[in-house]
Protein backbone atom coordinates (compact mmCIF):
# COMPACT_ATOMS: atom_id res chain seq x y z
CA MET A 1 92.70 34.65 187.13
CA LYS A 2 88.91 34.68 187.67
CA LYS A 3 89.46 34.97 191.40
CA LYS A 4 91.53 38.16 191.01
CA TYR A 5 88.95 39.60 188.63
CA PHE A 6 86.06 39.01 191.07
CA LEU A 7 88.07 40.32 194.03
CA THR A 8 88.88 43.48 192.08
CA LEU A 9 85.21 43.97 191.18
CA PHE A 10 84.20 43.31 194.79
CA PHE A 11 86.57 45.92 196.24
CA LEU A 12 85.70 48.40 193.51
CA GLY A 13 82.00 47.98 194.31
CA ILE A 14 82.61 48.47 198.05
CA SER A 15 84.68 51.60 197.48
CA LEU A 16 82.07 53.11 195.14
CA PHE A 17 79.25 52.27 197.57
CA GLY A 18 81.18 53.82 200.45
CA PHE A 19 81.86 56.96 198.43
CA SER A 20 78.24 57.39 197.41
CA GLN A 21 77.11 57.03 201.02
CA SER A 22 79.55 59.65 202.30
CA LYS A 23 78.27 62.34 199.89
CA SER A 24 75.11 62.96 201.90
CA LEU A 25 76.69 63.11 205.37
CA ASN A 26 76.44 66.35 207.34
CA CYS A 27 73.79 67.72 205.03
CA LYS A 28 71.45 69.52 207.42
CA PHE A 29 70.07 72.86 206.28
CA ASP A 30 68.55 75.43 208.65
CA TYR A 31 65.05 76.38 207.48
CA THR A 32 61.45 76.33 208.67
CA ILE A 33 58.28 75.32 206.90
CA LYS A 34 54.86 75.09 208.51
CA LEU A 35 51.27 74.51 207.54
CA VAL A 36 48.33 76.27 209.17
CA GLU A 37 44.82 75.12 208.31
CA SER A 38 41.62 77.14 208.23
CA GLY A 39 39.45 76.99 211.32
CA LYS A 40 36.76 74.39 211.97
CA GLU A 41 34.06 77.03 211.46
CA VAL A 42 34.96 77.40 207.76
CA SER A 43 32.66 75.49 205.39
CA ILE A 44 34.15 72.65 203.33
CA VAL A 45 33.92 74.71 200.14
CA ASP A 46 36.00 77.50 201.69
CA LYS A 47 38.64 75.29 203.42
CA TYR A 48 42.25 76.33 202.91
CA ALA A 49 45.74 75.77 204.24
CA VAL A 50 48.57 78.29 204.41
CA LEU A 51 52.02 76.86 203.73
CA SER A 52 54.72 79.27 204.92
CA TRP A 53 58.48 78.97 204.73
CA ASP A 54 61.65 80.72 205.87
CA PHE A 55 64.90 79.95 204.03
CA SER A 56 66.59 83.21 205.07
CA LYS A 57 69.38 81.36 206.93
CA LEU A 58 70.48 79.62 203.73
CA ASN A 59 73.04 80.98 201.31
CA MET A 60 70.67 81.28 198.35
CA THR A 61 73.50 81.95 195.88
CA LYS A 62 74.66 78.36 196.43
CA ALA A 63 71.41 76.59 197.32
CA ASN A 64 68.56 75.53 195.07
CA VAL A 65 65.30 75.16 197.01
CA GLN A 66 62.13 73.42 195.84
CA ILE A 67 58.85 72.94 197.67
CA GLU A 68 56.73 70.26 196.05
CA VAL A 69 52.98 70.08 196.75
CA VAL A 70 51.12 67.07 195.34
CA PRO A 71 47.29 67.08 195.34
CA ILE A 72 45.97 63.59 196.08
CA LEU A 73 42.89 62.10 194.44
CA ASP A 74 42.54 58.93 196.52
CA CYS A 75 42.61 60.51 199.99
CA PHE A 76 40.94 57.46 201.52
CA ASN A 77 44.38 55.78 201.21
CA GLY A 78 46.02 58.51 203.31
CA GLU A 79 49.79 58.69 203.02
CA THR A 80 49.91 55.57 200.86
CA ALA A 81 47.82 57.19 198.11
CA ARG A 82 48.76 56.47 194.50
CA GLU A 83 46.52 58.75 192.44
CA PHE A 84 47.75 62.32 192.11
CA LYS A 85 47.05 65.50 190.23
CA GLU A 86 49.79 67.66 188.73
CA SER A 87 52.32 68.84 191.31
CA ILE A 88 52.69 72.45 192.37
CA LEU A 89 56.39 73.34 192.38
CA ILE A 90 57.72 76.38 194.19
CA SER A 91 61.36 76.88 193.22
CA SER A 92 64.11 79.31 194.17
CA SER A 93 65.01 79.46 190.48
CA ASP A 94 61.72 81.32 189.82
CA LYS A 95 62.29 85.06 189.54
CA ASN A 96 59.46 85.86 192.00
CA PHE A 97 60.71 83.47 194.71
CA LYS A 98 61.18 85.00 198.18
CA THR A 99 63.17 83.37 200.98
CA LYS A 100 60.36 84.19 203.45
CA ASN A 101 56.89 83.76 202.05
CA SER A 102 53.70 81.71 202.04
CA ILE A 103 51.11 80.29 199.71
CA THR A 104 47.42 79.71 200.34
CA LEU A 105 46.25 76.33 199.09
CA LYS A 106 42.49 76.40 198.65
CA HIS A 107 40.51 73.18 198.66
CA ILE A 108 38.22 74.28 195.83
CA GLU A 109 41.09 75.46 193.60
CA MET A 110 43.16 72.31 194.10
CA MET A 111 40.14 70.10 193.36
CA ALA A 112 41.52 67.61 195.87
CA LYS A 113 40.54 66.80 199.44
CA CYS A 114 44.12 66.29 200.57
CA PHE A 115 47.73 66.77 199.54
CA LYS A 116 51.27 66.00 200.55
CA TYR A 117 54.31 68.25 200.49
CA ARG A 118 58.08 68.14 200.95
CA VAL A 119 61.18 70.31 200.63
CA ARG A 120 64.23 69.58 198.47
CA ILE A 121 67.44 71.60 198.94
CA VAL A 122 70.52 71.13 196.79
CA SER A 123 73.81 72.87 197.55
CA ASN A 124 77.11 71.05 198.03
CA CYS A 125 74.89 68.14 199.09
CA GLU A 126 71.18 67.30 198.85
CA GLU A 127 68.49 67.12 201.51
CA ILE A 128 64.95 65.93 200.82
CA SER A 129 62.46 66.11 203.66
CA ASP A 130 59.94 63.39 204.37
CA TRP A 131 56.51 63.81 202.84
CA LYS A 132 53.98 65.51 205.10
CA TYR A 133 50.30 64.75 204.60
CA PHE A 134 47.37 67.15 205.00
CA SER A 135 43.63 66.60 204.62
CA TYR A 136 41.01 69.32 204.33
CA ILE A 137 38.45 66.82 205.64
CA ASN A 138 38.86 66.00 209.33
């Protein structure tokens, strides 16, 4: 009796695991996001980065887009940093969101020497990009 019970649980677990893995297949959205930094001639106080995006190829009636920017306090740890400030969230659910736009992230306003950012898109499936790291100090 115990053997049948464990076999049933085993096959149930495999089928649920297989189902959860298949949900994210073929989830590749067509968009662009890029970061352009201020020139080397700009003083450290005036350093900035322009984050621009283009989601115009997405069906925005079905997709929810979020760009997450996280200012980092312990930049000396690079991408493995663990001390953050409050995230900046740019969301397609905001009434002022535009599918093609940009934001200027100023060093002095962020009060951080570096940050990381990523994109999250949810439609019939979900895609989360890898974190990208940027430092105002080179």
